[in-house]
Amino acid sequence: MAAPPPTKQTCAVPADDAATIAGLRQDLAASQQKIADLQHRIDDINAPVYAKYRATEMASYDEKISLYAYRVHLYKGQDFSGAVIMWMSVAVVAVGLILSAAQLIVAMRVGRKDDGTIDVSLTGIKVTSSVTGLIILAMSLAFTYIFIEQVYTIHPPDIHAVAEPQKLNDHPAMGK
């Protein structure tokens, strides 16, 4: 058989204890009212601070959004200019290969050993030799290597790099 459900029991409280409990309840209510009043005063003091905090956070987010948009703009510009420069370098290398092949074919047809000359002046450099084609080929390949290593590689900007203010003690005016 199941036990009967518990019943709420009440006991009689003496009159002087009841007055004490009633007084404590009044004191508790008064204390809770004072706490609520103090909390409202704190909220009134903190409201402008919290509003400034929220405004600062929103400005920080707006700055991050604009930095990301600027980064996308940089990537798009770098992508376009990279493609233009890449096709220009392909054209330069192709012309270099054609010229080097033409020079080698001419040197093979002539079949004579030419010592060649090098003229250096303020207006430029003039190389006449049977290996001029190889020199052009080497310059074209060097140009391609430098282009791929230095120009075509994407270098993302560091958007988190912020110049830190110089410490006062490290300032030259402070004698250090």
C-alpha atoms as a PDB file:
ATOM      1  CA  MET A   1       0.000   0.000   0.000  1.00  0.00           C
ATOM      2  CA  ALA A   2       1.132   3.501  -0.734  1.00  0.00           C
ATOM      3  CA  ALA A   3       1.806   5.977   2.022  1.00  0.00           C
ATOM      4  CA  PRO A   4      -0.685   8.795   2.356  1.00  0.00           C
ATOM      5  CA  PRO A   5       0.471  12.119   0.842  1.00  0.00           C
ATOM      6  CA  PRO A   6       2.118  14.478   3.292  1.00  0.00           C
ATOM      7  CA  THR A   7      -0.099  17.194   4.640  1.00  0.00           C
ATOM      8  CA  LYS A   8       0.877  20.751   5.395  1.00  0.00           C
ATOM      9  CA  GLN A   9       1.159  21.130   9.105  1.00  0.00           C
ATOM     10  CA  THR A  10       0.947  24.405  10.870  1.00  0.00           C
ATOM     11  CA  CYS A  11       1.922  25.145  14.363  1.00  0.00           C
ATOM     12  CA  ALA A  12       0.836  27.871  16.600  1.00  0.00           C
ATOM     13  CA  VAL A  13       3.335  30.687  17.064  1.00  0.00           C
ATOM     14  CA  PRO A  14       3.325  32.585  20.305  1.00  0.00           C
ATOM     15  CA  ALA A  15       2.146  36.198  20.028  1.00  0.00           C
ATOM     16  CA  ASP A  16       5.491  37.770  20.953  1.00  0.00           C
ATOM     17  CA  ASP A  17       7.293  35.638  18.315  1.00  0.00           C
ATOM     18  CA  ALA A  18       4.670  36.594  15.735  1.00  0.00           C
ATOM     19  CA  ALA A  19       5.340  40.268  16.450  1.00  0.00           C
ATOM     20  CA  THR A  20       9.066  39.664  16.057  1.00  0.00           C
ATOM     21  CA  ILE A  21       8.534  37.876  12.744  1.00  0.00           C
ATOM     22  CA  ALA A  22       6.268  40.690  11.529  1.00  0.00           C
ATOM     23  CA  GLY A  23       8.907  43.248  12.514  1.00  0.00           C
ATOM     24  CA  LEU A  24      11.590  41.274  10.714  1.00  0.00           C
ATOM     25  CA  ARG A  25       9.403  41.099   7.625  1.00  0.00           C
ATOM     26  CA  GLN A  26       8.934  44.869   7.718  1.00  0.00           C
ATOM     27  CA  ASP A  27      12.685  45.357   8.146  1.00  0.00           C
ATOM     28  CA  LEU A  28      13.306  42.965   5.241  1.00  0.00           C
ATOM     29  CA  ALA A  29      10.840  44.851   3.027  1.00  0.00           C
ATOM     30  CA  ALA A  30      12.445  48.183   3.962  1.00  0.00           C
ATOM     31  CA  SER A  31      15.915  46.786   3.236  1.00  0.00           C
ATOM     32  CA  GLN A  32      14.758  45.412  -0.106  1.00  0.00           C
ATOM     33  CA  GLN A  33      13.301  48.834  -0.943  1.00  0.00           C
ATOM     34  CA  LYS A  34      16.614  50.517  -0.036  1.00  0.00           C
ATOM     35  CA  ILE A  35      18.489  47.996  -2.190  1.00  0.00           C
ATOM     36  CA  ALA A  36      16.110  48.684  -5.102  1.00  0.00           C
ATOM     37  CA  ASP A  37      16.563  52.458  -4.643  1.00  0.00           C
ATOM     38  CA  LEU A  38      20.360  52.085  -4.574  1.00  0.00           C
ATOM     39  CA  GLN A  39      20.229  49.857  -7.651  1.00  0.00           C
ATOM     40  CA  HIS A  40      18.234  52.527  -9.509  1.00  0.00           C
ATOM     41  CA  ARG A  41      20.805  55.157  -8.498  1.00  0.00           C
ATOM     42  CA  ILE A  42      23.641  52.902  -9.705  1.00  0.00           C
ATOM     43  CA  ASP A  43      21.784  52.300 -12.978  1.00  0.00           C
ATOM     44  CA  ASP A  44      21.318  56.067 -13.389  1.00  0.00           C
ATOM     45  CA  ILE A  45      25.055  56.586 -12.842  1.00  0.00           C
ATOM     46  CA  ASN A  46      26.048  53.713 -15.137  1.00  0.00           C
ATOM     47  CA  ALA A  47      23.630  54.592 -17.964  1.00  0.00           C
ATOM     48  CA  PRO A  48      25.893  57.219 -19.621  1.00  0.00           C
ATOM     49  CA  VAL A  49      28.937  54.974 -19.139  1.00  0.00           C
ATOM     50  CA  TYR A  50      27.114  52.019 -20.666  1.00  0.00           C
ATOM     51  CA  ALA A  51      25.915  54.187 -23.567  1.00  0.00           C
ATOM     52  CA  LYS A  52      29.509  55.300 -24.236  1.00  0.00           C
ATOM     53  CA  TYR A  53      30.656  51.690 -23.986  1.00  0.00           C
ATOM     54  CA  ARG A  54      28.050  50.600 -26.536  1.00  0.00           C
ATOM     55  CA  ALA A  55      28.973  53.492 -28.850  1.00  0.00           C
ATOM     56  CA  THR A  56      32.652  52.529 -28.589  1.00  0.00           C
ATOM     57  CA  GLU A  57      31.871  48.906 -29.378  1.00  0.00           C
ATOM     58  CA  MET A  58      29.776  49.915 -32.394  1.00  0.00           C
ATOM     59  CA  ALA A  59      32.564  52.204 -33.641  1.00  0.00           C
ATOM     60  CA  SER A  60      35.022  49.344 -33.222  1.00  0.00           C
ATOM     61  CA  TYR A  61      32.808  47.040 -35.287  1.00  0.00           C
ATOM     62  CA  ASP A  62      32.347  49.722 -37.942  1.00  0.00           C
ATOM     63  CA  GLU A  63      36.128  50.126 -38.139  1.00  0.00           C
ATOM     64  CA  LYS A  64      36.602  46.367 -38.553  1.00  0.00           C
ATOM     65  CA  ILE A  65      33.988  46.270 -41.308  1.00  0.00           C
ATOM     66  CA  SER A  66      35.668  49.132 -43.168  1.00  0.00           C
ATOM     67  CA  LEU A  67      39.082  47.477 -42.776  1.00  0.00           C
ATOM     68  CA  TYR A  68      37.742  44.218 -44.196  1.00  0.00           C
ATOM     69  CA  ALA A  69      36.131  46.093 -47.086  1.00  0.00           C
ATOM     70  CA  TYR A  70      39.433  47.876 -47.720  1.00  0.00           C
ATOM     71  CA  ARG A  71      41.255  44.531 -47.665  1.00  0.00           C
ATOM     72  CA  VAL A  72      38.838  43.127 -50.263  1.00  0.00           C
ATOM     73  CA  HIS A  73      39.412  46.256 -52.365  1.00  0.00           C
ATOM     74  CA  LEU A  74      43.180  45.719 -52.116  1.00  0.00           C
ATOM     75  CA  TYR A  75      42.874  42.083 -53.162  1.00  0.00           C
ATOM     76  CA  LYS A  76      40.721  42.952 -56.156  1.00  0.00           C
ATOM     77  CA  GLY A  77      43.150  45.664 -57.261  1.00  0.00           C
ATOM     78  CA  GLN A  78      46.133  43.403 -56.736  1.00  0.00           C
ATOM     79  CA  ASP A  79      44.408  40.613 -58.638  1.00  0.00           C
ATOM     80  CA  PHE A  80      43.717  42.873 -61.624  1.00  0.00           C
ATOM     81  CA  SER A  81      47.163  44.462 -61.704  1.00  0.00           C
ATOM     82  CA  GLY A  82      48.764  41.049 -61.214  1.00  0.00           C
ATOM     83  CA  ALA A  83      46.920  39.701 -64.247  1.00  0.00           C
ATOM     84  CA  VAL A  84      47.927  42.700 -66.393  1.00  0.00           C
ATOM     85  CA  ILE A  85      51.565  42.487 -65.346  1.00  0.00           C
ATOM     86  CA  MET A  86      51.571  38.704 -65.758  1.00  0.00           C
ATOM     87  CA  TRP A  87      50.440  38.987 -69.391  1.00  0.00           C
ATOM     88  CA  MET A  88      53.016  41.701 -69.989  1.00  0.00           C
ATOM     89  CA  SER A  89      55.718  39.445 -68.579  1.00  0.00           C
ATOM     90  CA  VAL A  90      54.483  36.537 -70.711  1.00  0.00           C
ATOM     91  CA  ALA A  91      54.802  38.804 -73.755  1.00  0.00           C
ATOM     92  CA  VAL A  92      58.334  39.868 -72.729  1.00  0.00           C
ATOM     93  CA  VAL A  93      59.406  36.244 -72.203  1.00  0.00           C
ATOM     94  CA  ALA A  94      57.832  35.179 -75.495  1.00  0.00           C
ATOM     95  CA  VAL A  95      59.652  37.954 -77.349  1.00  0.00           C
ATOM     96  CA  GLY A  96      62.858  36.957 -75.536  1.00  0.00           C
ATOM     97  CA  LEU A  97      62.427  33.340 -76.573  1.00  0.00           C
ATOM     98  CA  ILE A  98      61.719  34.314 -80.192  1.00  0.00           C
ATOM     99  CA  LEU A  99      64.748  36.616 -80.299  1.00  0.00           C
ATOM    100  CA  SER A 100      67.013  34.030 -78.687  1.00  0.00           C
ATOM    101  CA  ALA A 101      65.836  31.359 -81.138  1.00  0.00           C
ATOM    102  CA  ALA A 102      66.389  33.750 -84.061  1.00  0.00           C
ATOM    103  CA  GLN A 103      69.892  34.597 -82.836  1.00  0.00           C
ATOM    104  CA  LEU A 104      70.794  30.927 -82.398  1.00  0.00           C
ATOM    105  CA  ILE A 105      69.466  30.042 -85.854  1.00  0.00           C
ATOM    106  CA  VAL A 106      71.454  32.893 -87.440  1.00  0.00           C
ATOM    107  CA  ALA A 107      74.599  31.825 -85.561  1.00  0.00           C
ATOM    108  CA  MET A 108      74.167  28.217 -86.730  1.00  0.00           C
ATOM    109  CA  ARG A 109      73.591  29.254 -90.363  1.00  0.00           C
ATOM    110  CA  VAL A 110      76.617  31.503 -90.467  1.00  0.00           C
ATOM    111  CA  GLY A 111      78.662  28.756 -88.900  1.00  0.00           C
ATOM    112  CA  ARG A 112      81.618  30.935 -88.065  1.00  0.00           C
ATOM    113  CA  LYS A 113      82.995  31.743 -84.699  1.00  0.00           C
ATOM    114  CA  ASP A 114      82.429  35.391 -83.900  1.00  0.00           C
ATOM    115  CA  ASP A 115      84.304  36.878 -80.975  1.00  0.00           C
ATOM    116  CA  GLY A 116      81.614  39.508 -80.481  1.00  0.00           C
ATOM    117  CA  THR A 117      81.740  42.957 -79.000  1.00  0.00           C
ATOM    118  CA  ILE A 118      80.268  44.731 -76.027  1.00  0.00           C
ATOM    119  CA  ASP A 119      79.731  48.499 -76.188  1.00  0.00           C
ATOM    120  CA  VAL A 120      78.746  50.286 -72.994  1.00  0.00           C
ATOM    121  CA  SER A 121      77.808  53.959 -73.175  1.00  0.00           C
ATOM    122  CA  LEU A 122      75.528  56.451 -71.481  1.00  0.00           C
ATOM    123  CA  THR A 123      72.787  55.662 -73.980  1.00  0.00           C
ATOM    124  CA  GLY A 124      72.802  51.905 -73.410  1.00  0.00           C
ATOM    125  CA  ILE A 125      74.526  48.565 -73.779  1.00  0.00           C
ATOM    126  CA  LYS A 126      75.122  46.907 -77.158  1.00  0.00           C
ATOM    127  CA  VAL A 127      76.116  43.235 -77.313  1.00  0.00           C
ATOM    128  CA  THR A 128      77.076  41.639 -80.607  1.00  0.00           C
ATOM    129  CA  SER A 129      77.867  37.961 -80.356  1.00  0.00           C
ATOM    130  CA  SER A 130      76.823  34.555 -81.512  1.00  0.00           C
ATOM    131  CA  VAL A 131      75.503  33.874 -78.001  1.00  0.00           C
ATOM    132  CA  THR A 132      73.286  36.954 -77.844  1.00  0.00           C
ATOM    133  CA  GLY A 133      70.266  34.661 -78.036  1.00  0.00           C
ATOM    134  CA  LEU A 134      71.400  32.838 -74.913  1.00  0.00           C
ATOM    135  CA  ILE A 135      71.894  36.153 -73.111  1.00  0.00           C
ATOM    136  CA  ILE A 136      68.354  37.221 -74.065  1.00  0.00           C
ATOM    137  CA  LEU A 137      67.013  33.840 -72.938  1.00  0.00           C
ATOM    138  CA  ALA A 138      68.798  34.120 -69.576  1.00  0.00           C
ATOM    139  CA  MET A 139      67.473  37.666 -69.062  1.00  0.00           C
ATOM    140  CA  SER A 140      63.927  36.543 -69.933  1.00  0.00           C
ATOM    141  CA  LEU A 141      64.068  33.657 -67.472  1.00  0.00           C
ATOM    142  CA  ALA A 142      65.542  35.905 -64.770  1.00  0.00           C
ATOM    143  CA  PHE A 143      62.745  38.417 -65.381  1.00  0.00           C
ATOM    144  CA  THR A 144      60.137  35.649 -65.065  1.00  0.00           C
ATOM    145  CA  TYR A 145      61.652  34.386 -61.812  1.00  0.00           C
ATOM    146  CA  ILE A 146      61.767  37.866 -60.262  1.00  0.00           C
ATOM    147  CA  PHE A 147      58.221  38.556 -61.402  1.00  0.00           C
ATOM    148  CA  ILE A 148      56.863  35.367 -59.852  1.00  0.00           C
ATOM    149  CA  GLU A 149      58.769  35.810 -56.593  1.00  0.00           C
ATOM    150  CA  GLN A 150      58.262  39.530 -56.010  1.00  0.00           C
ATOM    151  CA  VAL A 151      55.274  40.782 -57.991  1.00  0.00           C
ATOM    152  CA  TYR A 152      52.798  37.979 -58.582  1.00  0.00           C
ATOM    153  CA  THR A 153      52.843  36.722 -54.987  1.00  0.00           C
ATOM    154  CA  ILE A 154      50.015  38.197 -52.943  1.00  0.00           C
ATOM    155  CA  HIS A 155      51.211  40.029 -49.856  1.00  0.00           C
ATOM    156  CA  PRO A 156      48.222  40.601 -47.557  1.00  0.00           C
ATOM    157  CA  PRO A 157      48.299  43.761 -45.474  1.00  0.00           C
ATOM    158  CA  ASP A 158      48.438  43.330 -41.714  1.00  0.00           C
ATOM    159  CA  ILE A 159      45.271  45.060 -40.560  1.00  0.00           C
ATOM    160  CA  HIS A 160      45.975  44.262 -36.934  1.00  0.00           C
ATOM    161  CA  ALA A 161      49.319  46.043 -36.854  1.00  0.00           C
ATOM    162  CA  VAL A 162      48.800  49.175 -34.847  1.00  0.00           C
ATOM    163  CA  ALA A 163      51.565  51.556 -33.939  1.00  0.00           C
ATOM    164  CA  GLU A 164      51.921  51.414 -30.187  1.00  0.00           C
ATOM    165  CA  PRO A 165      52.390  54.723 -28.444  1.00  0.00           C
ATOM    166  CA  GLN A 166      55.894  55.351 -27.224  1.00  0.00           C
ATOM    167  CA  LYS A 167      56.295  55.080 -23.487  1.00  0.00           C
ATOM    168  CA  LEU A 168      56.947  58.339 -21.718  1.00  0.00           C
ATOM    169  CA  ASN A 169      60.141  57.050 -20.100  1.00  0.00           C
ATOM    170  CA  ASP A 170      61.567  56.068 -23.490  1.00  0.00           C
ATOM    171  CA  HIS A 171      60.945  59.505 -24.965  1.00  0.00           C
ATOM    172  CA  PRO A 172      64.155  61.353 -26.001  1.00  0.00           C
ATOM    173  CA  ALA A 173      63.048  64.428 -24.077  1.00  0.00           C
ATOM    174  CA  MET A 174      63.166  62.411 -20.881  1.00  0.00           C
ATOM    175  CA  GLY A 175      66.950  62.025 -21.169  1.00  0.00           C
ATOM    176  CA  LYS A 176      67.094  58.371 -22.202  1.00  0.00           C
END
